[in-house]
Amino acid sequence: MTDVKEDTKKIVRILLRVSSDQQLEANGDLSIQRKLVVEEVKKHEEWILDSKEYFEGSNSGYKNSVADRDVLQEALRDAENREYDILLAYKDDRLGRRMLEIPMYIMSLKQFGVDVYTVKDRLLTPDLGDVMGMLKLAMQYGMAEKSSSDTGMRVKDTA
């Protein structure tokens, strides 16, 4: 007979992304992200950290589409193969900052049984068919896309 508690364990894979080479340094954003994400897994007795993680270095989550981001495509294929249950990132913007694509990507993962969590924002994935949850998700990423666009404008104007 299998242990019922063991059957409730969720396999967690982490997603790490940095936008610049400076964030890759030993004391940079990458090591901090990894530390905080691993600490989050330890807070959940029912979560098991998988040895595989997804990493994108020096890759914009605003400029690059989901289709062009190999790491996100790999995570989606692995979800389709039912290899894990939870994709965990530090913050929602680590997935990206595109209003239409990221919510659709999150819902694609959900169709394969994978929920998306972040350390700072908690559960991002609404239930399938939860129209209000999907609307909230689209608004959340719409605001992220606008923020990136505004930053780009300021940088361009300053230069």
N, C-alpha and C. Protein backbone atom coordinates (compact mmCIF):
# COMPACT_ATOMS: atom_id res chain seq x y z
N MET A 1 0.85 -1.18 0.00
CA MET A 1 0.00 0.00 0.00
C MET A 1 0.89 1.24 0.00
N THR A 2 0.56 2.21 -0.86
CA THR A 2 1.39 3.41 -0.92
C THR A 2 1.00 4.38 0.18
N ASP A 3 1.96 5.15 0.59
CA ASP A 3 1.76 6.15 1.62
C ASP A 3 0.94 7.30 1.04
N VAL A 4 -0.22 7.58 1.62
CA VAL A 4 -1.12 8.63 1.12
C VAL A 4 -0.43 9.99 1.17
N LYS A 5 0.32 10.25 2.23
CA LYS A 5 1.01 11.53 2.37
C LYS A 5 2.00 11.72 1.22
N GLU A 6 2.68 10.67 0.84
CA GLU A 6 3.65 10.74 -0.25
C GLU A 6 2.97 11.10 -1.57
N ASP A 7 1.74 10.62 -1.76
CA ASP A 7 1.01 10.91 -2.99
C ASP A 7 0.62 12.38 -3.10
N THR A 8 0.61 13.12 -2.00
CA THR A 8 0.22 14.52 -2.03
C THR A 8 1.41 15.45 -2.25
N LYS A 9 2.59 14.91 -2.32
CA LYS A 9 3.79 15.73 -2.55
C LYS A 9 3.75 16.33 -3.94
N LYS A 10 4.21 17.56 -4.04
CA LYS A 10 4.25 18.28 -5.31
C LYS A 10 5.70 18.50 -5.71
N ILE A 11 6.02 18.14 -6.93
CA ILE A 11 7.38 18.35 -7.44
C ILE A 11 7.48 19.78 -7.95
N VAL A 12 8.49 20.49 -7.44
CA VAL A 12 8.68 21.90 -7.75
C VAL A 12 9.94 22.09 -8.56
N ARG A 13 9.80 22.82 -9.65
CA ARG A 13 10.96 23.26 -10.42
C ARG A 13 11.00 24.78 -10.35
N ILE A 14 12.21 25.30 -10.31
CA ILE A 14 12.34 26.74 -10.18
C ILE A 14 12.75 27.38 -11.50
N LEU A 15 12.27 28.60 -11.67
CA LEU A 15 12.61 29.42 -12.83
C LEU A 15 13.38 30.63 -12.34
N LEU A 16 14.56 30.81 -12.88
CA LEU A 16 15.39 31.97 -12.55
C LEU A 16 15.65 32.73 -13.85
N ARG A 17 15.54 34.06 -13.78
CA ARG A 17 15.85 34.87 -14.96
C ARG A 17 16.47 36.17 -14.50
N VAL A 18 17.50 36.57 -15.20
CA VAL A 18 18.10 37.88 -14.98
C VAL A 18 18.15 38.60 -16.32
N SER A 19 18.07 39.92 -16.26
CA SER A 19 18.02 40.72 -17.48
C SER A 19 19.39 41.21 -17.94
N SER A 20 20.36 41.20 -17.03
CA SER A 20 21.67 41.76 -17.38
C SER A 20 22.80 40.89 -16.86
N ASP A 21 23.98 41.06 -17.44
CA ASP A 21 25.15 40.30 -17.02
C ASP A 21 25.56 40.62 -15.58
N GLN A 22 25.33 41.87 -15.14
CA GLN A 22 25.69 42.25 -13.77
C GLN A 22 24.92 41.42 -12.74
N GLN A 23 23.71 41.02 -13.07
CA GLN A 23 22.90 40.24 -12.14
C GLN A 23 23.40 38.81 -12.01
N LEU A 24 24.30 38.40 -12.89
CA LEU A 24 24.86 37.04 -12.84
C LEU A 24 26.00 36.91 -11.83
N GLU A 25 26.56 38.03 -11.37
CA GLU A 25 27.71 38.00 -10.47
C GLU A 25 27.37 37.25 -9.19
N ALA A 26 28.42 36.80 -8.49
CA ALA A 26 28.26 35.95 -7.31
C ALA A 26 27.33 36.54 -6.26
N ASN A 27 27.40 37.83 -6.04
CA ASN A 27 26.52 38.45 -5.05
C ASN A 27 25.37 39.21 -5.72
N GLY A 28 25.10 38.89 -6.96
CA GLY A 28 24.06 39.58 -7.72
C GLY A 28 22.69 38.97 -7.54
N ASP A 29 21.79 39.42 -8.37
CA ASP A 29 20.38 39.07 -8.28
C ASP A 29 20.12 37.57 -8.42
N LEU A 30 20.90 36.89 -9.25
CA LEU A 30 20.67 35.46 -9.48
C LEU A 30 20.82 34.65 -8.19
N SER A 31 21.90 34.86 -7.47
CA SER A 31 22.11 34.09 -6.24
C SER A 31 21.05 34.41 -5.19
N ILE A 32 20.61 35.66 -5.16
CA ILE A 32 19.56 36.04 -4.21
C ILE A 32 18.24 35.39 -4.60
N GLN A 33 17.91 35.42 -5.89
CA GLN A 33 16.69 34.75 -6.36
C GLN A 33 16.69 33.28 -5.96
N ARG A 34 17.80 32.60 -6.26
CA ARG A 34 17.88 31.16 -5.98
C ARG A 34 17.70 30.90 -4.48
N LYS A 35 18.36 31.68 -3.66
CA LYS A 35 18.28 31.50 -2.20
C LYS A 35 16.85 31.67 -1.71
N LEU A 36 16.17 32.72 -2.15
CA LEU A 36 14.81 32.98 -1.69
C LEU A 36 13.81 31.94 -2.20
N VAL A 37 14.02 31.47 -3.41
CA VAL A 37 13.12 30.46 -3.97
C VAL A 37 13.30 29.13 -3.24
N VAL A 38 14.53 28.74 -2.98
CA VAL A 38 14.79 27.49 -2.25
C VAL A 38 14.22 27.58 -0.83
N GLU A 39 14.36 28.75 -0.19
CA GLU A 39 13.79 28.93 1.14
C GLU A 39 12.27 28.79 1.11
N GLU A 40 11.65 29.28 0.04
CA GLU A 40 10.19 29.17 -0.10
C GLU A 40 9.76 27.71 -0.19
N VAL A 41 10.49 26.92 -0.93
CA VAL A 41 10.16 25.49 -1.05
C VAL A 41 10.20 24.84 0.33
N LYS A 42 11.20 25.18 1.12
CA LYS A 42 11.35 24.58 2.45
C LYS A 42 10.19 24.90 3.39
N LYS A 43 9.47 25.97 3.12
CA LYS A 43 8.33 26.37 3.96
C LYS A 43 7.11 25.47 3.73
N HIS A 44 7.12 24.74 2.64
CA HIS A 44 5.97 23.91 2.27
C HIS A 44 6.33 22.43 2.41
N GLU A 45 5.80 21.81 3.42
CA GLU A 45 6.09 20.41 3.71
C GLU A 45 5.74 19.49 2.55
N GLU A 46 4.72 19.87 1.79
CA GLU A 46 4.24 19.02 0.70
C GLU A 46 4.99 19.25 -0.62
N TRP A 47 5.95 20.16 -0.63
CA TRP A 47 6.72 20.46 -1.84
C TRP A 47 8.07 19.76 -1.81
N ILE A 48 8.48 19.23 -2.95
CA ILE A 48 9.79 18.61 -3.11
C ILE A 48 10.52 19.34 -4.23
N LEU A 49 11.69 19.88 -3.92
CA LEU A 49 12.47 20.60 -4.92
C LEU A 49 13.13 19.62 -5.87
N ASP A 50 12.83 19.74 -7.15
CA ASP A 50 13.41 18.89 -8.17
C ASP A 50 14.82 19.40 -8.48
N SER A 51 15.68 18.52 -8.94
CA SER A 51 17.06 18.93 -9.25
C SER A 51 17.14 19.76 -10.53
N LYS A 52 16.14 19.67 -11.38
CA LYS A 52 16.17 20.46 -12.61
C LYS A 52 15.60 21.84 -12.35
N GLU A 53 16.31 22.86 -12.84
CA GLU A 53 15.79 24.22 -12.77
C GLU A 53 15.90 24.86 -14.14
N TYR A 54 15.08 25.88 -14.34
CA TYR A 54 15.08 26.60 -15.61
C TYR A 54 15.75 27.95 -15.38
N PHE A 55 16.70 28.27 -16.25
CA PHE A 55 17.47 29.51 -16.08
C PHE A 55 17.63 30.25 -17.39
N GLU A 56 17.36 31.55 -17.34
CA GLU A 56 17.61 32.43 -18.47
C GLU A 56 18.54 33.55 -18.00
N GLY A 57 19.68 33.67 -18.63
CA GLY A 57 20.61 34.72 -18.28
C GLY A 57 20.61 35.82 -19.32
N SER A 58 20.63 37.05 -18.83
CA SER A 58 20.69 38.24 -19.70
C SER A 58 19.62 38.19 -20.79
N ASN A 59 18.39 37.93 -20.38
CA ASN A 59 17.31 37.79 -21.34
C ASN A 59 16.12 38.64 -20.89
N SER A 60 15.68 39.55 -21.73
CA SER A 60 14.56 40.43 -21.40
C SER A 60 13.24 39.68 -21.46
N GLY A 61 12.47 39.80 -20.40
CA GLY A 61 11.13 39.22 -20.37
C GLY A 61 10.10 40.16 -20.98
N TYR A 62 10.56 41.32 -21.45
CA TYR A 62 9.69 42.30 -22.08
C TYR A 62 9.87 42.29 -23.59
N LYS A 63 11.11 42.25 -24.03
CA LYS A 63 11.40 42.33 -25.46
C LYS A 63 11.23 41.00 -26.18
N ASN A 64 11.42 39.89 -25.47
CA ASN A 64 11.41 38.57 -26.10
C ASN A 64 10.07 37.87 -25.90
N SER A 65 9.53 37.35 -26.99
CA SER A 65 8.25 36.64 -26.91
C SER A 65 8.43 35.28 -26.26
N VAL A 66 7.37 34.75 -25.74
CA VAL A 66 7.39 33.42 -25.13
C VAL A 66 7.86 32.37 -26.14
N ALA A 67 7.42 32.50 -27.36
CA ALA A 67 7.80 31.55 -28.41
C ALA A 67 9.30 31.54 -28.67
N ASP A 68 9.97 32.67 -28.43
CA ASP A 68 11.41 32.79 -28.68
C ASP A 68 12.25 32.51 -27.44
N ARG A 69 11.62 32.19 -26.34
CA ARG A 69 12.37 31.93 -25.10
C ARG A 69 12.45 30.42 -24.89
N ASP A 70 13.60 29.86 -25.24
CA ASP A 70 13.81 28.41 -25.20
C ASP A 70 13.51 27.81 -23.82
N VAL A 71 13.87 28.52 -22.77
CA VAL A 71 13.68 28.00 -21.42
C VAL A 71 12.19 27.84 -21.11
N LEU A 72 11.39 28.83 -21.48
CA LEU A 72 9.94 28.71 -21.24
C LEU A 72 9.34 27.59 -22.08
N GLN A 73 9.84 27.42 -23.29
CA GLN A 73 9.34 26.33 -24.14
C GLN A 73 9.72 24.97 -23.55
N GLU A 74 10.92 24.88 -23.00
CA GLU A 74 11.35 23.63 -22.35
C GLU A 74 10.47 23.32 -21.14
N ALA A 75 10.19 24.34 -20.32
CA ALA A 75 9.33 24.15 -19.15
C ALA A 75 7.93 23.70 -19.57
N LEU A 76 7.44 24.24 -20.67
CA LEU A 76 6.12 23.85 -21.18
C LEU A 76 6.13 22.40 -21.67
N ARG A 77 7.17 22.01 -22.39
CA ARG A 77 7.27 20.61 -22.86
C ARG A 77 7.35 19.65 -21.66
N ASP A 78 8.13 20.04 -20.65
CA ASP A 78 8.24 19.19 -19.46
C ASP A 78 6.91 19.10 -18.72
N ALA A 79 6.16 20.19 -18.71
CA ALA A 79 4.83 20.17 -18.09
C ALA A 79 3.90 19.23 -18.87
N GLU A 80 3.98 19.31 -20.18
CA GLU A 80 3.17 18.44 -21.03
C GLU A 80 3.49 16.97 -20.76
N ASN A 81 4.75 16.70 -20.43
CA ASN A 81 5.18 15.33 -20.10
C ASN A 81 4.92 14.97 -18.64
N ARG A 82 4.26 15.88 -17.92
CA ARG A 82 3.88 15.66 -16.51
C ARG A 82 5.09 15.38 -15.61
N GLU A 83 6.17 16.12 -15.85
CA GLU A 83 7.39 15.91 -15.07
C GLU A 83 7.40 16.64 -13.73
N TYR A 84 6.56 17.65 -13.58
CA TYR A 84 6.53 18.43 -12.33
C TYR A 84 5.15 19.03 -12.13
N ASP A 85 4.92 19.58 -10.92
CA ASP A 85 3.60 20.09 -10.55
C ASP A 85 3.56 21.60 -10.34
N ILE A 86 4.68 22.18 -9.96
CA ILE A 86 4.73 23.60 -9.64
C ILE A 86 5.95 24.22 -10.28
N LEU A 87 5.75 25.38 -10.92
CA LEU A 87 6.85 26.21 -11.40
C LEU A 87 6.93 27.39 -10.45
N LEU A 88 8.07 27.56 -9.81
CA LEU A 88 8.25 28.59 -8.78
C LEU A 88 9.33 29.57 -9.21
N ALA A 89 8.99 30.85 -9.16
CA ALA A 89 9.94 31.92 -9.47
C ALA A 89 9.98 32.89 -8.29
N TYR A 90 10.94 33.79 -8.33
CA TYR A 90 11.06 34.78 -7.26
C TYR A 90 9.88 35.76 -7.30
N LYS A 91 9.60 36.31 -8.47
CA LYS A 91 8.54 37.30 -8.63
C LYS A 91 7.88 37.11 -9.98
N ASP A 92 6.68 37.65 -10.14
CA ASP A 92 5.93 37.45 -11.38
C ASP A 92 6.67 37.94 -12.62
N ASP A 93 7.48 38.98 -12.49
CA ASP A 93 8.18 39.50 -13.67
C ASP A 93 9.31 38.60 -14.15
N ARG A 94 9.67 37.59 -13.39
CA ARG A 94 10.69 36.63 -13.84
C ARG A 94 10.14 35.79 -14.98
N LEU A 95 8.82 35.62 -15.04
CA LEU A 95 8.21 34.91 -16.17
C LEU A 95 8.21 35.79 -17.41
N GLY A 96 7.99 37.07 -17.22
CA GLY A 96 7.97 38.00 -18.33
C GLY A 96 7.14 39.20 -18.02
N ARG A 97 7.03 40.07 -19.02
CA ARG A 97 6.28 41.31 -18.84
C ARG A 97 5.44 41.60 -20.07
N ARG A 98 4.82 40.59 -20.58
CA ARG A 98 3.99 40.74 -21.79
C ARG A 98 2.54 40.42 -21.45
N MET A 99 1.68 41.41 -21.64
CA MET A 99 0.30 41.37 -21.16
C MET A 99 -0.50 40.18 -21.70
N LEU A 100 -0.34 39.84 -22.93
CA LEU A 100 -1.15 38.76 -23.50
C LEU A 100 -0.46 37.42 -23.42
N GLU A 101 0.83 37.40 -23.66
CA GLU A 101 1.55 36.12 -23.76
C GLU A 101 1.73 35.41 -22.42
N ILE A 102 2.12 36.13 -21.39
CA ILE A 102 2.43 35.46 -20.12
C ILE A 102 1.19 34.83 -19.48
N PRO A 103 0.06 35.55 -19.41
CA PRO A 103 -1.14 34.85 -18.88
C PRO A 103 -1.52 33.62 -19.69
N MET A 104 -1.39 33.70 -21.01
CA MET A 104 -1.70 32.52 -21.85
C MET A 104 -0.72 31.39 -21.56
N TYR A 105 0.55 31.74 -21.35
CA TYR A 105 1.56 30.75 -21.03
C TYR A 105 1.24 30.07 -19.69
N ILE A 106 0.89 30.86 -18.70
CA ILE A 106 0.54 30.32 -17.38
C ILE A 106 -0.66 29.38 -17.49
N MET A 107 -1.64 29.76 -18.28
CA MET A 107 -2.82 28.90 -18.44
C MET A 107 -2.49 27.64 -19.25
N SER A 108 -1.53 27.73 -20.15
CA SER A 108 -1.08 26.53 -20.87
C SER A 108 -0.44 25.55 -19.91
N LEU A 109 0.38 26.06 -18.99
CA LEU A 109 0.97 25.19 -17.97
C LEU A 109 -0.14 24.54 -17.13
N LYS A 110 -1.14 25.34 -16.76
CA LYS A 110 -2.25 24.83 -15.94
C LYS A 110 -2.97 23.68 -16.64
N GLN A 111 -3.12 23.77 -17.96
CA GLN A 111 -3.78 22.70 -18.70
C GLN A 111 -3.02 21.38 -18.55
N PHE A 112 -1.73 21.45 -18.26
CA PHE A 112 -0.92 20.25 -18.06
C PHE A 112 -0.74 19.94 -16.58
N GLY A 113 -1.51 20.61 -15.72
CA GLY A 113 -1.48 20.31 -14.29
C GLY A 113 -0.42 21.05 -13.50
N VAL A 114 0.23 22.06 -14.10
CA VAL A 114 1.28 22.80 -13.40
C VAL A 114 0.75 24.17 -12.97
N ASP A 115 0.91 24.45 -11.68
CA ASP A 115 0.57 25.76 -11.14
C ASP A 115 1.84 26.61 -11.06
N VAL A 116 1.67 27.91 -11.23
CA VAL A 116 2.79 28.84 -11.14
C VAL A 116 2.67 29.63 -9.85
N TYR A 117 3.73 29.59 -9.06
CA TYR A 117 3.83 30.34 -7.81
C TYR A 117 5.04 31.25 -7.90
N THR A 118 4.98 32.32 -7.11
CA THR A 118 6.18 33.12 -6.91
C THR A 118 6.33 33.39 -5.42
N VAL A 119 7.57 33.66 -5.01
CA VAL A 119 7.84 33.95 -3.61
C VAL A 119 7.07 35.20 -3.18
N LYS A 120 7.07 36.21 -4.01
CA LYS A 120 6.47 37.50 -3.64
C LYS A 120 4.98 37.60 -3.91
N ASP A 121 4.48 36.91 -4.91
CA ASP A 121 3.09 37.06 -5.33
C ASP A 121 2.23 35.84 -5.02
N ARG A 122 2.84 34.76 -4.53
CA ARG A 122 2.16 33.50 -4.22
C ARG A 122 1.61 32.83 -5.47
N LEU A 123 0.44 32.24 -5.38
CA LEU A 123 -0.14 31.51 -6.51
C LEU A 123 -0.60 32.49 -7.58
N LEU A 124 -0.09 32.30 -8.80
CA LEU A 124 -0.51 33.14 -9.92
C LEU A 124 -1.60 32.49 -10.75
N THR A 125 -1.64 31.18 -10.75
CA THR A 125 -2.52 30.44 -11.65
C THR A 125 -3.95 30.40 -11.17
N PRO A 126 -4.87 30.98 -11.96
CA PRO A 126 -6.29 30.80 -11.62
C PRO A 126 -6.73 29.40 -12.07
N ASP A 127 -7.86 28.98 -11.57
CA ASP A 127 -8.43 27.71 -12.03
C ASP A 127 -8.85 27.85 -13.48
N LEU A 128 -8.83 26.75 -14.21
CA LEU A 128 -9.33 26.76 -15.58
C LEU A 128 -10.80 27.16 -15.53
N GLY A 129 -11.19 28.09 -16.37
CA GLY A 129 -12.57 28.56 -16.40
C GLY A 129 -12.86 29.71 -15.45
N ASP A 130 -11.89 30.12 -14.62
CA ASP A 130 -12.06 31.24 -13.70
C ASP A 130 -11.79 32.54 -14.46
N VAL A 131 -12.85 33.08 -15.06
CA VAL A 131 -12.72 34.26 -15.92
C VAL A 131 -12.17 35.46 -15.14
N MET A 132 -12.64 35.68 -13.92
CA MET A 132 -12.16 36.81 -13.12
C MET A 132 -10.67 36.63 -12.77
N GLY A 133 -10.27 35.41 -12.47
CA GLY A 133 -8.86 35.14 -12.18
C GLY A 133 -7.99 35.39 -13.40
N MET A 134 -8.48 34.99 -14.57
CA MET A 134 -7.72 35.22 -15.80
C MET A 134 -7.65 36.71 -16.14
N LEU A 135 -8.74 37.44 -15.87
CA LEU A 135 -8.75 38.89 -16.09
C LEU A 135 -7.74 39.57 -15.17
N LYS A 136 -7.70 39.15 -13.92
CA LYS A 136 -6.74 39.69 -12.95
C LYS A 136 -5.31 39.43 -13.42
N LEU A 137 -5.07 38.24 -13.92
CA LEU A 137 -3.75 37.87 -14.42
C LEU A 137 -3.36 38.75 -15.61
N ALA A 138 -4.29 38.97 -16.54
CA ALA A 138 -4.02 39.83 -17.69
C ALA A 138 -3.73 41.26 -17.25
N MET A 139 -4.46 41.75 -16.27
CA MET A 139 -4.21 43.11 -15.76
C MET A 139 -2.85 43.20 -15.08
N GLN A 140 -2.50 42.18 -14.33
CA GLN A 140 -1.22 42.15 -13.63
C GLN A 140 -0.07 42.25 -14.64
N TYR A 141 -0.16 41.48 -15.71
CA TYR A 141 0.91 41.51 -16.71
C TYR A 141 0.80 42.72 -17.64
N GLY A 142 -0.38 43.28 -17.78
CA GLY A 142 -0.53 44.54 -18.50
C GLY A 142 0.20 45.66 -17.78
N MET A 143 0.09 45.69 -16.47
CA MET A 143 0.80 46.70 -15.67
C MET A 143 2.31 46.47 -15.75
N ALA A 144 2.74 45.22 -15.76
CA ALA A 144 4.18 44.93 -15.88
C ALA A 144 4.71 45.38 -17.23
N GLU A 145 3.94 45.13 -18.30
CA GLU A 145 4.36 45.55 -19.63
C GLU A 145 4.44 47.08 -19.71
N LYS A 146 3.47 47.76 -19.15
CA LYS A 146 3.46 49.23 -19.15
C LYS A 146 4.66 49.77 -18.39
N SER A 147 4.97 49.17 -17.25
CA SER A 147 6.12 49.61 -16.45
C SER A 147 7.41 49.48 -17.25
N SER A 148 7.58 48.37 -17.94
CA SER A 148 8.78 48.17 -18.77
C SER A 148 8.83 49.17 -19.92
N SER A 149 7.70 49.41 -20.53
CA SER A 149 7.63 50.38 -21.62
C SER A 149 8.00 51.78 -21.13
N ASP A 150 7.48 52.16 -19.97
CA ASP A 150 7.79 53.48 -19.39
C ASP A 150 9.27 53.60 -19.07
N THR A 151 9.85 52.56 -18.51
CA THR A 151 11.29 52.58 -18.19
C THR A 151 12.10 52.74 -19.47
N GLY A 152 11.73 52.01 -20.52
CA GLY A 152 12.42 52.12 -21.79
C GLY A 152 12.37 53.53 -22.35
N MET A 153 11.20 54.16 -22.23
CA MET A 153 11.05 55.54 -22.71
C MET A 153 11.96 56.50 -21.93
N ARG A 154 11.99 56.34 -20.61
CA ARG A 154 12.83 57.21 -19.78
C ARG A 154 14.30 57.04 -20.12
N VAL A 155 14.74 55.81 -20.31
CA VAL A 155 16.14 55.54 -20.64
C VAL A 155 16.48 56.17 -22.00
N LYS A 156 15.58 56.00 -22.96
CA LYS A 156 15.79 56.55 -24.29
C LYS A 156 15.84 58.08 -24.25
N ASP A 157 14.92 58.69 -23.51
CA ASP A 157 14.88 60.15 -23.40
C ASP A 157 16.12 60.69 -22.70
N THR A 158 16.60 59.97 -21.71
CA THR A 158 17.80 60.40 -20.99
C THR A 158 19.03 60.32 -21.87
N ALA A 159 19.10 59.28 -22.70
CA ALA A 159 20.25 59.13 -23.59
C ALA A 159 20.23 60.19 -24.67
